[in-house]
Amino acid sequence: TKRNLIKRNIPLNNEAYNALAKWQNIGLSGYVFNKEDSHITDITGTWRSLMTKSSISDFRFHDLRHHFASKLVMASIDLNTFRKLLGHSDLKMTLRYAHSAPEHKSSVVNLIG
């Protein structure tokens, strides 16, 4: 069965956009994963092939989401913006992602002098 797909627009910083634009012409559609004027909704096979060809193991596409969330936490982004960027409707899910390293917590506390 097909999963219910939710369309979301994901903002990119300039560095990410420029890297994607160099790698593949995103074009006016705005889709990163596209094929002949349509967008791809399932990249499972392509992801597996890419991981095999690049000899990368034990790395899931979803790991990119965790990395993004970690970068947001380390940048001290407020939780509501964090929630919106990850597409969560419930703050409880956001809090599951909002863990950080103890050294980061110490550096944040030092900001208040």
C-alpha atoms as a PDB file:
ATOM      1  CA  THR A   1       0.000   0.000   0.000  1.00  0.00           C
ATOM      2  CA  LYS A   2       1.108   3.524  -0.639  1.00  0.00           C
ATOM      3  CA  ARG A   3       1.852   5.665   2.363  1.00  0.00           C
ATOM      4  CA  ASN A   4      -0.030   8.905   2.802  1.00  0.00           C
ATOM      5  CA  LEU A   5       2.378  11.475   1.503  1.00  0.00           C
ATOM      6  CA  ILE A   6       2.404  14.956   2.930  1.00  0.00           C
ATOM      7  CA  LYS A   7       3.650  17.731   0.714  1.00  0.00           C
ATOM      8  CA  ARG A   8       6.003  20.079   2.526  1.00  0.00           C
ATOM      9  CA  ASN A   9       8.278  22.844   1.403  1.00  0.00           C
ATOM     10  CA  ILE A  10      11.677  22.651   3.048  1.00  0.00           C
ATOM     11  CA  PRO A  11      13.728  25.842   3.138  1.00  0.00           C
ATOM     12  CA  LEU A  12      17.402  25.459   2.247  1.00  0.00           C
ATOM     13  CA  ASN A  13      20.276  27.691   3.193  1.00  0.00           C
ATOM     14  CA  ASN A  14      22.319  29.144   0.330  1.00  0.00           C
ATOM     15  CA  GLU A  15      25.109  26.583   0.657  1.00  0.00           C
ATOM     16  CA  ALA A  16      22.730  23.614   0.423  1.00  0.00           C
ATOM     17  CA  TYR A  17      20.766  25.146  -2.448  1.00  0.00           C
ATOM     18  CA  ASN A  18      23.927  25.940  -4.433  1.00  0.00           C
ATOM     19  CA  ALA A  19      25.298  22.425  -3.878  1.00  0.00           C
ATOM     20  CA  LEU A  20      22.044  20.885  -5.117  1.00  0.00           C
ATOM     21  CA  ALA A  21      21.858  23.282  -8.044  1.00  0.00           C
ATOM     22  CA  LYS A  22      25.379  22.263  -9.119  1.00  0.00           C
ATOM     23  CA  TRP A  23      24.578  18.555  -8.693  1.00  0.00           C
ATOM     24  CA  GLN A  24      21.270  18.612 -10.515  1.00  0.00           C
ATOM     25  CA  ASN A  25      19.291  21.346 -12.173  1.00  0.00           C
ATOM     26  CA  ILE A  26      16.428  21.813  -9.718  1.00  0.00           C
ATOM     27  CA  GLY A  27      14.587  24.043 -12.166  1.00  0.00           C
ATOM     28  CA  LEU A  28      11.383  25.902 -11.583  1.00  0.00           C
ATOM     29  CA  SER A  29       9.588  22.910 -10.046  1.00  0.00           C
ATOM     30  CA  GLY A  30      11.659  23.190  -6.871  1.00  0.00           C
ATOM     31  CA  TYR A  31      11.841  19.404  -6.568  1.00  0.00           C
ATOM     32  CA  VAL A  32      15.203  17.879  -5.673  1.00  0.00           C
ATOM     33  CA  PHE A  33      14.160  14.385  -6.693  1.00  0.00           C
ATOM     34  CA  ASN A  34      12.547  14.726 -10.081  1.00  0.00           C
ATOM     35  CA  LYS A  35      12.328  12.835 -13.313  1.00  0.00           C
ATOM     36  CA  GLU A  36      11.108  14.158 -16.635  1.00  0.00           C
ATOM     37  CA  ASP A  37       8.866  16.989 -15.406  1.00  0.00           C
ATOM     38  CA  SER A  38       7.454  15.039 -12.456  1.00  0.00           C
ATOM     39  CA  HIS A  39       8.638  14.451  -8.928  1.00  0.00           C
ATOM     40  CA  ILE A  40       9.688  11.181  -7.346  1.00  0.00           C
ATOM     41  CA  THR A  41       7.815  10.220  -4.194  1.00  0.00           C
ATOM     42  CA  ASP A  42       9.823   7.111  -3.264  1.00  0.00           C
ATOM     43  CA  ILE A  43      13.621   7.209  -3.292  1.00  0.00           C
ATOM     44  CA  THR A  44      14.184   3.921  -1.443  1.00  0.00           C
ATOM     45  CA  GLY A  45      15.738   2.066  -4.376  1.00  0.00           C
ATOM     46  CA  THR A  46      17.810   5.041  -5.460  1.00  0.00           C
ATOM     47  CA  TRP A  47      19.074   5.576  -1.895  1.00  0.00           C
ATOM     48  CA  ARG A  48      20.109   1.917  -1.540  1.00  0.00           C
ATOM     49  CA  SER A  49      21.898   2.042  -4.883  1.00  0.00           C
ATOM     50  CA  LEU A  50      23.708   5.240  -3.908  1.00  0.00           C
ATOM     51  CA  MET A  51      24.839   3.752  -0.586  1.00  0.00           C
ATOM     52  CA  THR A  52      26.072   0.592  -2.299  1.00  0.00           C
ATOM     53  CA  LYS A  53      27.950   2.471  -5.039  1.00  0.00           C
ATOM     54  CA  SER A  54      29.596   4.774  -2.513  1.00  0.00           C
ATOM     55  CA  SER A  55      30.468   1.894  -0.122  1.00  0.00           C
ATOM     56  CA  ILE A  56      28.569   3.559   2.715  1.00  0.00           C
ATOM     57  CA  SER A  57      26.926   1.161   5.139  1.00  0.00           C
ATOM     58  CA  ASP A  58      24.614   1.556   8.090  1.00  0.00           C
ATOM     59  CA  PHE A  59      23.372   4.997   7.004  1.00  0.00           C
ATOM     60  CA  ARG A  60      19.693   5.662   6.443  1.00  0.00           C
ATOM     61  CA  PHE A  61      18.143   8.604   4.623  1.00  0.00           C
ATOM     62  CA  HIS A  62      16.382   9.416   7.914  1.00  0.00           C
ATOM     63  CA  ASP A  63      19.817   9.895   9.536  1.00  0.00           C
ATOM     64  CA  LEU A  64      20.048  13.151   7.562  1.00  0.00           C
ATOM     65  CA  ARG A  65      16.991  14.374   9.471  1.00  0.00           C
ATOM     66  CA  HIS A  66      18.650  13.573  12.800  1.00  0.00           C
ATOM     67  CA  HIS A  67      21.783  15.407  11.700  1.00  0.00           C
ATOM     68  CA  PHE A  68      19.720  18.448  10.689  1.00  0.00           C
ATOM     69  CA  ALA A  69      17.912  18.387  14.046  1.00  0.00           C
ATOM     70  CA  SER A  70      21.229  18.153  15.911  1.00  0.00           C
ATOM     71  CA  LYS A  71      22.578  21.164  14.009  1.00  0.00           C
ATOM     72  CA  LEU A  72      19.456  23.147  14.944  1.00  0.00           C
ATOM     73  CA  VAL A  73      19.867  22.239  18.617  1.00  0.00           C
ATOM     74  CA  MET A  74      23.543  23.202  18.544  1.00  0.00           C
ATOM     75  CA  ALA A  75      22.567  26.557  16.980  1.00  0.00           C
ATOM     76  CA  SER A  76      20.163  27.152  19.919  1.00  0.00           C
ATOM     77  CA  ILE A  77      17.131  27.508  17.632  1.00  0.00           C
ATOM     78  CA  ASP A  78      13.921  28.106  19.576  1.00  0.00           C
ATOM     79  CA  LEU A  79      11.694  25.038  19.927  1.00  0.00           C
ATOM     80  CA  ASN A  80       8.763  26.392  17.934  1.00  0.00           C
ATOM     81  CA  THR A  81      10.935  27.189  14.899  1.00  0.00           C
ATOM     82  CA  PHE A  82      12.636  23.804  15.379  1.00  0.00           C
ATOM     83  CA  ARG A  83       9.184  22.138  15.393  1.00  0.00           C
ATOM     84  CA  LYS A  84       8.115  23.922  12.213  1.00  0.00           C
ATOM     85  CA  LEU A  85      11.340  23.090  10.343  1.00  0.00           C
ATOM     86  CA  LEU A  86      10.987  19.403  11.202  1.00  0.00           C
ATOM     87  CA  GLY A  87       7.294  19.451  10.272  1.00  0.00           C
ATOM     88  CA  HIS A  88       5.997  18.336  13.648  1.00  0.00           C
ATOM     89  CA  SER A  89       2.448  19.203  14.654  1.00  0.00           C
ATOM     90  CA  ASP A  90       3.090  18.086  18.232  1.00  0.00           C
ATOM     91  CA  LEU A  91       5.800  19.533  20.473  1.00  0.00           C
ATOM     92  CA  LYS A  92       6.236  16.103  22.130  1.00  0.00           C
ATOM     93  CA  MET A  93       7.797  14.715  18.948  1.00  0.00           C
ATOM     94  CA  THR A  94      10.070  17.742  18.672  1.00  0.00           C
ATOM     95  CA  LEU A  95      11.316  17.191  22.209  1.00  0.00           C
ATOM     96  CA  ARG A  96      12.407  13.669  21.236  1.00  0.00           C
ATOM     97  CA  TYR A  97      14.802  15.263  18.750  1.00  0.00           C
ATOM     98  CA  ALA A  98      15.874  18.117  21.009  1.00  0.00           C
ATOM     99  CA  HIS A  99      18.623  16.288  22.880  1.00  0.00           C
ATOM    100  CA  SER A 100      22.136  17.661  22.818  1.00  0.00           C
ATOM    101  CA  ALA A 101      25.637  16.962  24.052  1.00  0.00           C
ATOM    102  CA  PRO A 102      26.459  17.977  27.652  1.00  0.00           C
ATOM    103  CA  GLU A 103      29.257  20.280  26.458  1.00  0.00           C
ATOM    104  CA  HIS A 104      26.721  22.201  24.341  1.00  0.00           C
ATOM    105  CA  LYS A 105      24.479  22.652  27.360  1.00  0.00           C
ATOM    106  CA  SER A 106      27.416  24.102  29.296  1.00  0.00           C
ATOM    107  CA  SER A 107      28.285  26.545  26.524  1.00  0.00           C
ATOM    108  CA  VAL A 108      24.664  27.728  26.352  1.00  0.00           C
ATOM    109  CA  VAL A 109      24.513  28.308  30.106  1.00  0.00           C
ATOM    110  CA  ASN A 110      27.729  30.347  29.829  1.00  0.00           C
ATOM    111  CA  LEU A 111      25.946  32.707  27.417  1.00  0.00           C
ATOM    112  CA  ILE A 112      24.007  34.210  30.320  1.00  0.00           C
ATOM    113  CA  GLY A 113      27.263  35.098  32.081  1.00  0.00           C
END
